[in-house]
Protein backbone atom coordinates (compact mmCIF):
# COMPACT_ATOMS: atom_id res chain seq x y z
CA MET A 1 0.19 0.00 -0.31
CA TRP A 2 1.33 3.74 -0.60
CA LYS A 3 0.55 7.20 0.56
CA ASN A 4 0.41 9.80 -1.99
CA TYR A 5 2.11 12.49 -1.50
CA ARG A 6 -0.65 15.04 1.20
CA GLY A 7 -0.16 11.00 3.52
CA ARG A 8 -3.55 9.56 2.23
CA TYR A 9 -3.48 6.52 1.07
CA ASN A 10 -4.80 5.71 -2.31
CA LYS A 11 -8.80 6.24 -2.37
CA GLN A 12 -9.01 3.47 -4.81
CA GLU A 13 -6.33 0.42 -3.05
CA THR A 14 -8.56 1.46 -0.03
CA ARG A 15 -12.02 1.06 -1.18
CA TYR A 16 -10.37 -2.93 -2.75
CA LYS A 17 -9.42 -3.74 0.80
CA GLN A 18 -13.18 -2.73 2.22
CA ILE A 19 -14.71 -4.76 -0.37
CA GLN A 20 -12.83 -7.50 -0.07
CA ARG A 21 -12.78 -7.39 3.74
CA TYR A 22 -16.84 -6.65 3.10
CA LYS A 23 -16.43 -10.26 1.13
CA VAL A 24 -14.72 -12.18 3.87
CA GLN A 25 -17.01 -11.59 6.83
CA GLU A 26 -20.57 -12.03 4.47
CA THR A 27 -18.61 -15.52 3.27
CA ASN A 28 -18.02 -16.39 7.28
CA ILE A 29 -21.67 -14.24 8.27
CA ASN A 30 -23.15 -17.06 5.06
CA SER A 31 -21.41 -19.83 6.50
CA LYS A 32 -22.47 -19.02 10.12
CA MET A 33 -26.20 -19.57 8.92
CA GLN A 34 -25.26 -22.63 6.90
CA ASN A 35 -24.78 -23.95 10.23
CA ASN A 36 -26.92 -23.30 12.04
CA GLN A 37 -30.12 -24.55 9.54
CA THR A 38 -28.09 -27.60 9.09
CA ARG A 39 -28.10 -27.38 12.95
CA LYS A 40 -31.62 -26.42 12.92
CA PHE A 41 -33.45 -28.32 10.99
CA ASP A 42 -31.50 -31.78 11.33
CA LEU A 43 -33.97 -33.44 13.22
CA GLU A 44 -36.41 -32.79 10.63
CA GLU A 45 -34.35 -34.51 8.60
CA ARG A 46 -34.25 -37.66 11.15
CA THR A 47 -37.98 -37.49 11.54
CA THR A 48 -38.41 -38.39 7.60
CA LYS A 49 -35.87 -41.08 7.58
CA PHE A 50 -37.80 -42.87 10.16
CA ALA A 51 -41.07 -42.14 8.54
CA ILE A 52 -39.76 -44.24 5.35
CA ALA A 53 -38.29 -46.38 7.53
CA VAL A 54 -41.07 -47.61 8.52
CA VAL A 55 -42.92 -47.17 5.36
CA ARG A 56 -40.70 -49.84 4.11
CA LEU A 57 -41.11 -52.22 7.08
CA CYS A 58 -44.81 -52.13 6.09
CA LYS A 59 -44.20 -53.01 1.93
CA LYS A 60 -42.43 -56.16 3.44
CA LEU A 61 -45.41 -56.93 6.13
CA SER A 62 -47.56 -59.86 4.83
CA LYS A 63 -51.47 -58.73 3.71
CA ASN A 64 -54.13 -60.06 6.66
CA PRO A 65 -56.85 -58.45 8.50
CA MET A 66 -54.23 -57.55 12.04
CA ASN A 67 -51.42 -56.83 9.94
CA ASP A 68 -53.14 -54.38 7.26
CA ARG A 69 -54.63 -52.67 11.30
CA PHE A 70 -51.47 -52.41 12.41
CA VAL A 71 -50.09 -50.56 8.45
CA GLY A 72 -52.79 -47.93 8.93
CA GLN A 73 -51.75 -47.01 12.01
CA VAL A 74 -47.99 -47.07 12.39
CA ALA A 75 -47.40 -45.72 9.09
CA GLY A 76 -49.72 -42.37 10.10
CA SER A 77 -48.21 -42.44 13.46
CA SER A 78 -44.50 -41.94 11.52
CA GLY A 79 -45.54 -39.70 9.34
CA SER A 80 -46.99 -37.23 11.94
CA VAL A 81 -44.00 -37.02 13.96
CA GLY A 82 -41.74 -35.72 11.24
CA ALA A 83 -44.72 -33.34 9.82
CA ASN A 84 -45.92 -32.22 13.80
CA TYR A 85 -42.27 -31.54 14.08
CA ARG A 86 -42.10 -29.21 10.87
CA GLU A 87 -45.74 -27.29 12.38
CA ALA A 88 -43.57 -26.51 15.56
CA ASN A 89 -40.59 -24.76 13.87
CA ASP A 90 -43.44 -22.71 11.56
CA ALA A 91 -44.98 -21.66 14.88
CA LEU A 92 -46.81 -18.73 15.68
CA GLY A 93 -45.98 -17.95 19.40
CA LYS A 94 -43.80 -20.24 22.03
CA LYS A 95 -47.44 -22.09 23.53
CA ASP A 96 -48.55 -22.70 19.54
CA PHE A 97 -44.84 -24.96 19.45
CA ILE A 98 -44.53 -26.31 22.40
CA MET A 99 -48.44 -28.17 22.17
CA ARG A 100 -47.16 -28.79 18.34
CA VAL A 101 -43.96 -30.66 20.05
CA LYS A 102 -45.85 -32.82 22.31
CA ILE A 103 -48.07 -33.81 19.60
CA SER A 104 -45.60 -35.02 17.81
CA ARG A 105 -44.38 -36.40 21.00
CA LYS A 106 -47.15 -38.34 21.45
CA GLU A 107 -47.02 -40.03 18.22
CA ALA A 108 -43.56 -40.89 18.21
CA LYS A 109 -44.99 -42.77 21.68
CA GLU A 110 -47.88 -44.01 19.61
CA THR A 111 -46.14 -45.57 17.18
CA ILE A 112 -43.73 -47.44 19.96
CA HIS A 113 -46.40 -49.19 20.56
CA TRP A 114 -48.01 -49.96 17.08
CA LEU A 115 -44.80 -51.05 16.38
CA GLU A 116 -44.58 -53.70 19.51
CA LEU A 117 -47.75 -54.67 18.39
CA ILE A 118 -46.39 -55.02 15.23
CA LYS A 119 -43.33 -57.11 16.21
CA GLU A 120 -45.25 -59.77 18.18
CA ALA A 121 -47.62 -60.40 15.12
CA ASP A 122 -44.65 -60.71 12.70
CA PRO A 123 -41.28 -62.19 14.55
CA GLU A 124 -39.73 -62.76 11.75
CA PHE A 125 -39.08 -58.76 11.42
CA ALA A 126 -38.22 -58.45 14.97
CA ALA A 127 -34.55 -57.28 14.42
CA GLU A 128 -36.05 -54.09 12.26
CA ILE A 129 -38.25 -53.51 14.15
CA ASP A 130 -36.45 -53.55 17.48
CA ILE A 131 -34.07 -50.69 15.29
CA LEU A 132 -36.77 -48.20 15.09
CA ILE A 133 -38.52 -48.43 17.95
CA LYS A 134 -34.89 -47.52 19.34
CA GLU A 135 -35.03 -45.00 17.24
CA ALA A 136 -38.34 -43.87 17.94
CA THR A 137 -37.58 -44.09 21.71
CA GLU A 138 -34.41 -41.96 20.69
CA LEU A 139 -36.96 -38.94 18.73
CA LYS A 140 -39.07 -39.09 21.86
CA ASN A 141 -36.35 -38.59 24.14
CA ILE A 142 -35.05 -35.34 22.18
CA LEU A 143 -39.04 -34.12 21.45
CA SER A 144 -39.11 -34.62 25.98
CA SER A 145 -35.67 -32.58 26.10
CA ILE A 146 -36.71 -30.03 23.39
CA ILE A 147 -40.30 -29.20 25.91
CA ASP A 148 -38.34 -29.38 28.58
CA LYS A 149 -36.17 -26.76 27.97
CA VAL A 150 -38.70 -24.23 26.14
CA LEU A 151 -40.67 -24.33 29.77
CA ASN A 152 -37.90 -23.90 31.28
CA ASN A 153 -36.68 -21.16 29.39
CA SER A 154 -39.61 -19.21 30.25
CA ASN A 155 -39.96 -19.81 33.74
CA LYS A 156 -36.92 -19.11 34.09
CA GLU A 157 -38.21 -15.51 31.77
CA GLN A 158 -41.35 -14.61 34.18
């Protein structure tokens, strides 16, 4: 960098450096936003993958009146876990958010119930069902933790 005869920095070079500095700051902000979005919506992706895994299990089950009932129930409840969580992310307020996450948690519990019944009716799929029950339990615990944190934070604010 060079100074002109009055001891000031060349305006073009200074402007260039300002633009470069702005580009670096913008890149840092964009990468931080992307990281936050990835963390924020990771549970959405996880719940969707869980519902897809349940649907794939349902496709493998034999067709009979008992399985037909179980398949309809478990497919609906597993899909509702993710659907309600996504709605919670677009909630109108804190109470709406808590309500939707609670519904999502309730659907996870219901999914566990139906998976246990399917396991009893179709023991040949027990290993695959155990994995799904474990995932549903983890989702239920994550959702419970979210509810507890939001409620604890709102109690501290009051």
